[in-house]
Amino acid sequence: MDISSDGARLVIASAGLTVPKRFGVALVPNSPPRECERVWRNGEMMGVRFTEPR
């Protein structure tokens, strides 16, 4: 939904989906995933902070 150099706000497909504290996310199709950590979650919305510099 929103992205910056430090993190992003993501929309999750299902509010009941379990998301780990740390995971990789590919923000552009066919690009390598960026490592990130979940900072907050509210239903289907989630904020993540990128843990690797870009």
PDB file of N, CA and C in Angstrom:
ATOM      1  N   MET A   1       0.824  -1.184   0.000  1.00  0.00           N
ATOM      2  CA  MET A   1       0.000   0.000   0.000  1.00  0.00           C
ATOM      3  C   MET A   1       0.876   1.259   0.000  1.00  0.00           C
ATOM      4  N   ASP A   2       1.788   1.367   0.967  1.00  0.00           N
ATOM      5  CA  ASP A   2       2.753   2.477   1.021  1.00  0.00           C
ATOM      6  C   ASP A   2       4.139   1.884   1.184  1.00  0.00           C
ATOM      7  N   ILE A   3       5.143   2.561   0.642  1.00  0.00           N
ATOM      8  CA  ILE A   3       6.521   2.088   0.773  1.00  0.00           C
ATOM      9  C   ILE A   3       7.451   3.279   0.908  1.00  0.00           C
ATOM     10  N   SER A   4       8.488   3.113   1.723  1.00  0.00           N
ATOM     11  CA  SER A   4       9.546   4.116   1.857  1.00  0.00           C
ATOM     12  C   SER A   4      10.871   3.356   1.872  1.00  0.00           C
ATOM     13  N   SER A   5      11.958   4.061   2.041  1.00  0.00           N
ATOM     14  CA  SER A   5      13.258   3.386   2.089  1.00  0.00           C
ATOM     15  C   SER A   5      13.420   2.571   3.362  1.00  0.00           C
ATOM     16  N   ASP A   6      12.659   2.916   4.414  1.00  0.00           N
ATOM     17  CA  ASP A   6      12.786   2.232   5.705  1.00  0.00           C
ATOM     18  C   ASP A   6      11.785   1.108   5.924  1.00  0.00           C
ATOM     19  N   GLY A   7      10.632   1.139   5.249  1.00  0.00           N
ATOM     20  CA  GLY A   7       9.614   0.132   5.499  1.00  0.00           C
ATOM     21  C   GLY A   7       8.426   0.276   4.578  1.00  0.00           C
ATOM     22  N   ALA A   8       7.357  -0.437   4.940  1.00  0.00           N
ATOM     23  CA  ALA A   8       6.168  -0.423   4.090  1.00  0.00           C
ATOM     24  C   ALA A   8       4.929  -0.728   4.916  1.00  0.00           C
ATOM     25  N   ARG A   9       3.786  -0.326   4.388  1.00  0.00           N
ATOM     26  CA  ARG A   9       2.491  -0.720   4.945  1.00  0.00           C
ATOM     27  C   ARG A   9       1.895  -1.692   3.937  1.00  0.00           C
ATOM     28  N   LEU A  10       1.596  -2.894   4.395  1.00  0.00           N
ATOM     29  CA  LEU A  10       1.121  -3.958   3.521  1.00  0.00           C
ATOM     30  C   LEU A  10      -0.324  -4.301   3.814  1.00  0.00           C
ATOM     31  N   VAL A  11      -1.030  -4.782   2.805  1.00  0.00           N
ATOM     32  CA  VAL A  11      -2.377  -5.317   2.971  1.00  0.00           C
ATOM     33  C   VAL A  11      -2.248  -6.833   2.872  1.00  0.00           C
ATOM     34  N   ILE A  12      -2.707  -7.536   3.897  1.00  0.00           N
ATOM     35  CA  ILE A  12      -2.631  -8.992   3.970  1.00  0.00           C
ATOM     36  C   ILE A  12      -3.901  -9.570   3.359  1.00  0.00           C
ATOM     37  N   ALA A  13      -3.773 -10.697   2.655  1.00  0.00           N
ATOM     38  CA  ALA A  13      -4.911 -11.307   1.961  1.00  0.00           C
ATOM     39  C   ALA A  13      -6.035 -11.702   2.906  1.00  0.00           C
ATOM     40  N   SER A  14      -5.703 -12.068   4.135  1.00  0.00           N
ATOM     41  CA  SER A  14      -6.713 -12.508   5.097  1.00  0.00           C
ATOM     42  C   SER A  14      -6.326 -12.046   6.490  1.00  0.00           C
ATOM     43  N   ALA A  15      -7.287 -11.503   7.230  1.00  0.00           N
ATOM     44  CA  ALA A  15      -7.010 -11.041   8.593  1.00  0.00           C
ATOM     45  C   ALA A  15      -6.603 -12.203   9.494  1.00  0.00           C
ATOM     46  N   GLY A  16      -6.989 -13.430   9.145  1.00  0.00           N
ATOM     47  CA  GLY A  16      -6.659 -14.595   9.953  1.00  0.00           C
ATOM     48  C   GLY A  16      -5.326 -15.234   9.613  1.00  0.00           C
ATOM     49  N   LEU A  17      -4.619 -14.714   8.610  1.00  0.00           N
ATOM     50  CA  LEU A  17      -3.345 -15.273   8.175  1.00  0.00           C
ATOM     51  C   LEU A  17      -2.267 -14.985   9.216  1.00  0.00           C
ATOM     52  N   THR A  18      -1.526 -16.003   9.611  1.00  0.00           N
ATOM     53  CA  THR A  18      -0.426 -15.830  10.546  1.00  0.00           C
ATOM     54  C   THR A  18       0.811 -15.373   9.790  1.00  0.00           C
ATOM     55  N   VAL A  19       1.438 -14.306  10.275  1.00  0.00           N
ATOM     56  CA  VAL A  19       2.644 -13.760   9.644  1.00  0.00           C
ATOM     57  C   VAL A  19       3.740 -13.761  10.705  1.00  0.00           C
ATOM     58  N   PRO A  20       4.914 -14.341  10.403  1.00  0.00           N
ATOM     59  CA  PRO A  20       6.000 -14.368  11.387  1.00  0.00           C
ATOM     60  C   PRO A  20       6.555 -12.974  11.658  1.00  0.00           C
ATOM     61  N   LYS A  21       7.322 -12.838  12.738  1.00  0.00           N
ATOM     62  CA  LYS A  21       7.928 -11.560  13.110  1.00  0.00           C
ATOM     63  C   LYS A  21       8.913 -11.088  12.040  1.00  0.00           C
ATOM     64  N   ARG A  22       9.709 -12.006  11.484  1.00  0.00           N
ATOM     65  CA  ARG A  22      10.683 -11.675  10.426  1.00  0.00           C
ATOM     66  C   ARG A  22      10.390 -12.519   9.204  1.00  0.00           C
ATOM     67  N   PHE A  23      10.431 -11.907   8.025  1.00  0.00           N
ATOM     68  CA  PHE A  23      10.165 -12.620   6.785  1.00  0.00           C
ATOM     69  C   PHE A  23      10.700 -11.804   5.618  1.00  0.00           C
ATOM     70  N   GLY A  24      10.668 -12.370   4.425  1.00  0.00           N
ATOM     71  CA  GLY A  24      11.066 -11.668   3.212  1.00  0.00           C
ATOM     72  C   GLY A  24       9.829 -11.292   2.412  1.00  0.00           C
ATOM     73  N   VAL A  25       9.875 -10.136   1.781  1.00  0.00           N
ATOM     74  CA  VAL A  25       8.748  -9.687   0.964  1.00  0.00           C
ATOM     75  C   VAL A  25       9.280  -9.157  -0.368  1.00  0.00           C
ATOM     76  N   ALA A  26       8.699  -9.637  -1.465  1.00  0.00           N
ATOM     77  CA  ALA A  26       9.047  -9.142  -2.802  1.00  0.00           C
ATOM     78  C   ALA A  26       8.015  -8.085  -3.167  1.00  0.00           C
ATOM     79  N   LEU A  27       8.441  -6.851  -3.265  1.00  0.00           N
ATOM     80  CA  LEU A  27       7.525  -5.738  -3.516  1.00  0.00           C
ATOM     81  C   LEU A  27       7.301  -5.499  -5.004  1.00  0.00           C
ATOM     82  N   VAL A  28       8.170  -6.051  -5.830  1.00  0.00           N
ATOM     83  CA  VAL A  28       8.056  -5.936  -7.280  1.00  0.00           C
ATOM     84  C   VAL A  28       8.120  -7.358  -7.836  1.00  0.00           C
ATOM     85  N   PRO A  29       7.207  -7.735  -8.733  1.00  0.00           N
ATOM     86  CA  PRO A  29       7.243  -9.094  -9.279  1.00  0.00           C
ATOM     87  C   PRO A  29       8.625  -9.448  -9.845  1.00  0.00           C
ATOM     88  N   ASN A  30       9.048 -10.673  -9.597  1.00  0.00           N
ATOM     89  CA  ASN A  30      10.324 -11.210 -10.088  1.00  0.00           C
ATOM     90  C   ASN A  30      11.555 -10.527  -9.500  1.00  0.00           C
ATOM     91  N   SER A  31      11.401  -9.796  -8.408  1.00  0.00           N
ATOM     92  CA  SER A  31      12.555  -9.192  -7.745  1.00  0.00           C
ATOM     93  C   SER A  31      12.905 -10.024  -6.511  1.00  0.00           C
ATOM     94  N   PRO A  32      14.148  -9.968  -6.060  1.00  0.00           N
ATOM     95  CA  PRO A  32      14.494 -10.722  -4.845  1.00  0.00           C
ATOM     96  C   PRO A  32      13.771 -10.125  -3.639  1.00  0.00           C
ATOM     97  N   PRO A  33      13.386 -10.956  -2.682  1.00  0.00           N
ATOM     98  CA  PRO A  33      12.682 -10.437  -1.512  1.00  0.00           C
ATOM     99  C   PRO A  33      13.590  -9.596  -0.620  1.00  0.00           C
ATOM    100  N   ARG A  34      12.995  -8.622   0.047  1.00  0.00           N
ATOM    101  CA  ARG A  34      13.707  -7.811   1.048  1.00  0.00           C
ATOM    102  C   ARG A  34      13.367  -8.355   2.421  1.00  0.00           C
ATOM    103  N   GLU A  35      14.377  -8.507   3.261  1.00  0.00           N
ATOM    104  CA  GLU A  35      14.160  -8.968   4.621  1.00  0.00           C
ATOM    105  C   GLU A  35      13.518  -7.847   5.430  1.00  0.00           C
ATOM    106  N   CYS A  36      12.516  -8.204   6.228  1.00  0.00           N
ATOM    107  CA  CYS A  36      11.820  -7.194   7.023  1.00  0.00           C
ATOM    108  C   CYS A  36      11.312  -7.814   8.314  1.00  0.00           C
ATOM    109  N   GLU A  37      10.857  -6.957   9.214  1.00  0.00           N
ATOM    110  CA  GLU A  37      10.235  -7.420  10.450  1.00  0.00           C
ATOM    111  C   GLU A  37       8.914  -6.691  10.655  1.00  0.00           C
ATOM    112  N   ARG A  38       7.950  -7.424  11.181  1.00  0.00           N
ATOM    113  CA  ARG A  38       6.628  -6.871  11.455  1.00  0.00           C
ATOM    114  C   ARG A  38       6.740  -5.916  12.638  1.00  0.00           C
ATOM    115  N   VAL A  39       6.223  -4.704  12.470  1.00  0.00           N
ATOM    116  CA  VAL A  39       6.249  -3.688  13.519  1.00  0.00           C
ATOM    117  C   VAL A  39       4.868  -3.570  14.168  1.00  0.00           C
ATOM    118  N   TRP A  40       3.820  -3.594  13.356  1.00  0.00           N
ATOM    119  CA  TRP A  40       2.452  -3.532  13.876  1.00  0.00           C
ATOM    120  C   TRP A  40       1.541  -4.275  12.920  1.00  0.00           C
ATOM    121  N   ARG A  41       0.373  -4.632  13.448  1.00  0.00           N
ATOM    122  CA  ARG A  41      -0.646  -5.289  12.628  1.00  0.00           C
ATOM    123  C   ARG A  41      -2.015  -4.923  13.169  1.00  0.00           C
ATOM    124  N   ASN A  42      -2.934  -4.634  12.256  1.00  0.00           N
ATOM    125  CA  ASN A  42      -4.308  -4.325  12.614  1.00  0.00           C
ATOM    126  C   ASN A  42      -5.195  -4.971  11.552  1.00  0.00           C
ATOM    127  N   GLY A  43      -5.676  -6.185  11.816  1.00  0.00           N
ATOM    128  CA  GLY A  43      -6.509  -6.901  10.857  1.00  0.00           C
ATOM    129  C   GLY A  43      -5.734  -7.237   9.603  1.00  0.00           C
ATOM    130  N   GLU A  44      -6.156  -6.688   8.467  1.00  0.00           N
ATOM    131  CA  GLU A  44      -5.502  -6.958   7.183  1.00  0.00           C
ATOM    132  C   GLU A  44      -4.391  -5.971   6.845  1.00  0.00           C
ATOM    133  N   MET A  45      -4.130  -4.998   7.714  1.00  0.00           N
ATOM    134  CA  MET A  45      -3.062  -4.010   7.495  1.00  0.00           C
ATOM    135  C   MET A  45      -1.876  -4.359   8.391  1.00  0.00           C
ATOM    136  N   MET A  46      -0.659  -4.173   7.857  1.00  0.00           N
ATOM    137  CA  MET A  46       0.539  -4.480   8.623  1.00  0.00           C
ATOM    138  C   MET A  46       1.655  -3.529   8.227  1.00  0.00           C
ATOM    139  N   GLY A  47       2.395  -3.065   9.222  1.00  0.00           N
ATOM    140  CA  GLY A  47       3.557  -2.227   8.980  1.00  0.00           C
ATOM    141  C   GLY A  47       4.815  -3.036   9.176  1.00  0.00           C
ATOM    142  N   VAL A  48       5.777  -2.907   8.245  1.00  0.00           N
ATOM    143  CA  VAL A  48       7.038  -3.623   8.347  1.00  0.00           C
ATOM    144  C   VAL A  48       8.194  -2.635   8.229  1.00  0.00           C
ATOM    145  N   ARG A  49       9.308  -2.998   8.860  1.00  0.00           N
ATOM    146  CA  ARG A  49      10.545  -2.229   8.773  1.00  0.00           C
ATOM    147  C   ARG A  49      11.553  -3.116   8.042  1.00  0.00           C
ATOM    148  N   PHE A  50      12.216  -2.565   7.033  1.00  0.00           N
ATOM    149  CA  PHE A  50      13.242  -3.314   6.318  1.00  0.00           C
ATOM    150  C   PHE A  50      14.462  -3.472   7.211  1.00  0.00           C
ATOM    151  N   THR A  51      15.005  -4.672   7.288  1.00  0.00           N
ATOM    152  CA  THR A  51      16.143  -4.948   8.170  1.00  0.00           C
ATOM    153  C   THR A  51      17.458  -4.971   7.432  1.00  0.00           C
ATOM    154  N   GLU A  52      17.436  -4.777   6.121  1.00  0.00           N
ATOM    155  CA  GLU A  52      18.656  -4.718   5.331  1.00  0.00           C
ATOM    156  C   GLU A  52      18.674  -3.396   4.576  1.00  0.00           C
ATOM    157  N   PRO A  53      19.819  -2.745   4.486  1.00  0.00           N
ATOM    158  CA  PRO A  53      19.868  -1.489   3.723  1.00  0.00           C
ATOM    159  C   PRO A  53      19.710  -1.751   2.237  1.00  0.00           C
ATOM    160  N   ARG A  54      19.183  -0.812   1.532  1.00  0.00           N
ATOM    161  CA  ARG A  54      19.005  -0.965   0.086  1.00  0.00           C
ATOM    162  C   ARG A  54      19.747   0.132  -0.609  1.00  0.00           C
TER     163      ARG A  54
END
